[in-house]
C-alpha atoms as a PDB file:
ATOM      1  CA  MET A   1       6.448  16.249   8.949  1.00  0.00           C
ATOM      2  CA  ALA A   2       6.336  12.760   8.305  1.00  0.00           C
ATOM      3  CA  ARG A   3       2.734  11.244   8.442  1.00  0.00           C
ATOM      4  CA  MET A   4       1.805   8.157   6.361  1.00  0.00           C
ATOM      5  CA  GLU A   5      -1.505   7.432   4.801  1.00  0.00           C
ATOM      6  CA  PRO A   6      -1.073   4.114   2.799  1.00  0.00           C
ATOM      7  CA  PHE A   7      -2.268   5.657  -0.604  1.00  0.00           C
ATOM      8  CA  ILE A   8      -2.591   9.213  -1.792  1.00  0.00           C
ATOM      9  CA  TYR A   9      -4.493  10.453  -4.923  1.00  0.00           C
ATOM     10  CA  THR A  10      -4.350  13.053  -7.583  1.00  0.00           C
ATOM     11  CA  MET A  11      -6.888  13.871 -10.378  1.00  0.00           C
ATOM     12  CA  VAL A  12      -5.101  14.684 -13.700  1.00  0.00           C
ATOM     13  CA  HIS A  13      -6.614  15.655 -17.175  1.00  0.00           C
ATOM     14  CA  GLY A  14      -6.730  12.655 -19.402  1.00  0.00           C
ATOM     15  CA  THR A  15      -4.508  14.045 -22.180  1.00  0.00           C
ATOM     16  CA  ASP A  16      -1.978  15.321 -19.529  1.00  0.00           C
ATOM     17  CA  TRP A  17      -1.920  11.790 -18.179  1.00  0.00           C
ATOM     18  CA  ALA A  18      -1.330  10.157 -21.429  1.00  0.00           C
ATOM     19  CA  GLU A  19       1.552  12.605 -22.145  1.00  0.00           C
ATOM     20  CA  ALA A  20       2.967  11.568 -18.830  1.00  0.00           C
ATOM     21  CA  VAL A  21       2.619   7.941 -19.611  1.00  0.00           C
ATOM     22  CA  ALA A  22       4.578   8.650 -22.802  1.00  0.00           C
ATOM     23  CA  ALA A  23       7.176  10.674 -21.134  1.00  0.00           C
ATOM     24  CA  GLY A  24       7.735   8.232 -18.027  1.00  0.00           C
ATOM     25  CA  ALA A  25       6.710  10.841 -15.437  1.00  0.00           C
ATOM     26  CA  TYR A  26       3.989  13.376 -14.544  1.00  0.00           C
ATOM     27  CA  ALA A  27       5.375  16.930 -14.082  1.00  0.00           C
ATOM     28  CA  GLY A  28       2.141  18.303 -12.890  1.00  0.00           C
ATOM     29  CA  SER A  29      -0.709  20.767 -13.920  1.00  0.00           C
ATOM     30  CA  ALA A  30      -0.094  24.389 -14.364  1.00  0.00           C
ATOM     31  CA  ASP A  31      -1.241  24.944 -10.791  1.00  0.00           C
ATOM     32  CA  ASP A  32       1.179  22.303  -9.563  1.00  0.00           C
ATOM     33  CA  ARG A  33       3.963  24.102 -11.478  1.00  0.00           C
ATOM     34  CA  HIS A  34       3.064  27.295 -10.168  1.00  0.00           C
ATOM     35  CA  ASP A  35       2.995  26.172  -6.505  1.00  0.00           C
ATOM     36  CA  GLY A  36       6.281  24.221  -6.978  1.00  0.00           C
ATOM     37  CA  PHE A  37       4.824  20.718  -5.921  1.00  0.00           C
ATOM     38  CA  LEU A  38       2.203  18.186  -7.026  1.00  0.00           C
ATOM     39  CA  HIS A  39      -0.965  18.500  -4.990  1.00  0.00           C
ATOM     40  CA  PHE A  40      -2.313  15.044  -3.517  1.00  0.00           C
ATOM     41  CA  SER A  41      -5.025  14.275  -1.408  1.00  0.00           C
ATOM     42  CA  THR A  42      -5.818  11.309   1.008  1.00  0.00           C
ATOM     43  CA  ALA A  43      -8.766   9.125   0.431  1.00  0.00           C
ATOM     44  CA  ALA A  44     -10.569  11.093   3.324  1.00  0.00           C
ATOM     45  CA  GLN A  45      -9.634  14.401   1.510  1.00  0.00           C
ATOM     46  CA  LEU A  46     -10.285  13.596  -1.961  1.00  0.00           C
ATOM     47  CA  ARG A  47     -14.006  14.296  -2.221  1.00  0.00           C
ATOM     48  CA  ALA A  48     -13.764  17.789  -0.851  1.00  0.00           C
ATOM     49  CA  SER A  49     -10.709  18.432  -2.874  1.00  0.00           C
ATOM     50  CA  ALA A  50     -12.615  17.456  -6.209  1.00  0.00           C
ATOM     51  CA  ALA A  51     -15.677  19.667  -5.220  1.00  0.00           C
ATOM     52  CA  LYS A  52     -13.425  22.644  -4.588  1.00  0.00           C
ATOM     53  CA  HIS A  53     -10.930  22.345  -7.247  1.00  0.00           C
ATOM     54  CA  ARG A  54     -12.406  20.106 -10.088  1.00  0.00           C
ATOM     55  CA  LYS A  55     -16.261  20.471  -9.895  1.00  0.00           C
ATOM     56  CA  GLY A  56     -17.749  19.891 -13.402  1.00  0.00           C
ATOM     57  CA  GLN A  57     -14.271  19.020 -15.112  1.00  0.00           C
ATOM     58  CA  GLU A  58     -14.873  15.995 -17.448  1.00  0.00           C
ATOM     59  CA  GLY A  59     -12.040  13.729 -18.612  1.00  0.00           C
ATOM     60  CA  LEU A  60     -10.235  13.451 -15.528  1.00  0.00           C
ATOM     61  CA  VAL A  61      -8.077  10.472 -14.443  1.00  0.00           C
ATOM     62  CA  LEU A  62      -7.850   9.543 -10.723  1.00  0.00           C
ATOM     63  CA  VAL A  63      -4.100   8.577  -9.972  1.00  0.00           C
ATOM     64  CA  LYS A  64      -3.447   6.403  -6.939  1.00  0.00           C
ATOM     65  CA  VAL A  65       0.149   5.984  -5.469  1.00  0.00           C
ATOM     66  CA  GLU A  66       1.418   4.154  -2.585  1.00  0.00           C
ATOM     67  CA  SER A  67       2.690   6.987  -0.426  1.00  0.00           C
ATOM     68  CA  ALA A  68       5.675   5.140   1.102  1.00  0.00           C
ATOM     69  CA  ARG A  69       7.314   4.754  -2.225  1.00  0.00           C
ATOM     70  CA  LEU A  70       7.682   8.560  -2.855  1.00  0.00           C
ATOM     71  CA  GLY A  71      10.426   9.035  -0.071  1.00  0.00           C
ATOM     72  CA  ASP A  72      11.466  12.221   1.016  1.00  0.00           C
ATOM     73  CA  ALA A  73      10.116  14.103  -1.895  1.00  0.00           C
ATOM     74  CA  LEU A  74       6.481  13.695  -0.417  1.00  0.00           C
ATOM     75  CA  VAL A  75       5.837  16.216   2.489  1.00  0.00           C
ATOM     76  CA  TRP A  76       2.686  16.607   4.489  1.00  0.00           C
ATOM     77  CA  GLU A  77       1.771  20.297   4.714  1.00  0.00           C
ATOM     78  CA  PRO A  78      -1.192  22.613   5.494  1.00  0.00           C
ATOM     79  CA  ALA A  79      -3.039  23.797   2.497  1.00  0.00           C
ATOM     80  CA  LYS A  80      -2.218  27.136   0.985  1.00  0.00           C
ATOM     81  CA  GLY A  81      -3.468  29.993   3.029  1.00  0.00           C
ATOM     82  CA  GLY A  82      -4.736  27.543   5.591  1.00  0.00           C
ATOM     83  CA  SER A  83      -7.911  27.216   3.900  1.00  0.00           C
ATOM     84  CA  ARG A  84      -8.693  23.681   4.840  1.00  0.00           C
ATOM     85  CA  PRO A  85      -7.935  21.798   7.966  1.00  0.00           C
ATOM     86  CA  GLY A  86      -5.443  19.031   8.164  1.00  0.00           C
ATOM     87  CA  LEU A  87      -2.289  18.179   6.086  1.00  0.00           C
ATOM     88  CA  PHE A  88      -2.047  17.516   2.640  1.00  0.00           C
ATOM     89  CA  PRO A  89       0.421  15.378   0.659  1.00  0.00           C
ATOM     90  CA  HIS A  90       2.692  17.496  -1.606  1.00  0.00           C
ATOM     91  CA  LEU A  91       5.088  15.923  -3.991  1.00  0.00           C
ATOM     92  CA  TYR A  92       8.262  17.825  -4.637  1.00  0.00           C
ATOM     93  CA  GLY A  93       9.518  16.594  -7.975  1.00  0.00           C
ATOM     94  CA  ARG A  94       8.009  14.649 -10.885  1.00  0.00           C
ATOM     95  CA  LEU A  95       5.679  11.609 -10.324  1.00  0.00           C
ATOM     96  CA  PRO A  96       7.365   8.535 -12.103  1.00  0.00           C
ATOM     97  CA  VAL A  97       4.501   6.634 -13.889  1.00  0.00           C
ATOM     98  CA  ALA A  98       6.262   3.474 -12.712  1.00  0.00           C
ATOM     99  CA  LEU A  99       5.318   4.346  -9.067  1.00  0.00           C
ATOM    100  CA  VAL A 100       1.666   4.717  -9.773  1.00  0.00           C
ATOM    101  CA  THR A 101      -0.676   1.970  -8.342  1.00  0.00           C
ATOM    102  CA  SER A 102      -3.663   2.655 -10.615  1.00  0.00           C
ATOM    103  CA  ALA A 103      -4.985   5.336 -12.983  1.00  0.00           C
ATOM    104  CA  GLU A 104      -8.514   5.108 -13.729  1.00  0.00           C
ATOM    105  CA  PRO A 105     -11.069   7.311 -15.443  1.00  0.00           C
ATOM    106  CA  LEU A 106     -13.041   9.626 -12.942  1.00  0.00           C
ATOM    107  CA  PRO A 107     -16.495  10.024 -14.179  1.00  0.00           C
ATOM    108  CA  LEU A 108     -18.581  13.094 -13.788  1.00  0.00           C
ATOM    109  CA  GLY A 109     -22.132  12.822 -12.256  1.00  0.00           C
ATOM    110  CA  ALA A 110     -25.157  14.704 -13.283  1.00  0.00           C
ATOM    111  CA  ASP A 111     -24.591  17.107 -10.352  1.00  0.00           C
ATOM    112  CA  GLY A 112     -21.228  18.035 -11.587  1.00  0.00           C
ATOM    113  CA  LEU A 113     -19.530  16.047  -8.711  1.00  0.00           C
ATOM    114  CA  HIS A 114     -17.310  13.130  -9.605  1.00  0.00           C
ATOM    115  CA  LEU A 115     -18.073   9.556  -9.099  1.00  0.00           C
ATOM    116  CA  PHE A 116     -15.361   7.926  -6.961  1.00  0.00           C
ATOM    117  CA  PRO A 117     -14.632   4.045  -6.634  1.00  0.00           C
ATOM    118  CA  ALA A 118     -16.154   2.362  -3.461  1.00  0.00           C
ATOM    119  CA  ASP A 119     -12.921   2.654  -1.442  1.00  0.00           C
ATOM    120  CA  ILE A 120     -13.091   6.307  -1.201  1.00  0.00           C
ATOM    121  CA  PRO A 121     -14.960   7.495   1.778  1.00  0.00           C
END
């Protein structure tokens, strides 16, 4: 299903991102590789995804990508098991680092939740 949000996001461990930059592409986390695609979120989905899957994790990088640049490899699908409403962006293939709009540290607040940039609702 084609649905476009201007930008999508993924949270990557800093060491994994450094390896991706050196290699020229990000192949995904162990969970991504197990599921067969890279998990992304829209700006509106990002806080809930972080709270559910990344709470308390330090050293993350917030990677922002212009969704239109990913072509047909980007597919909008329900969450695994239908656990969350809406469709989520899944990238079937590696993420070329050259397509990344920004990759910034994602600090952790005292409550274990991440502190997002102002443009994330």
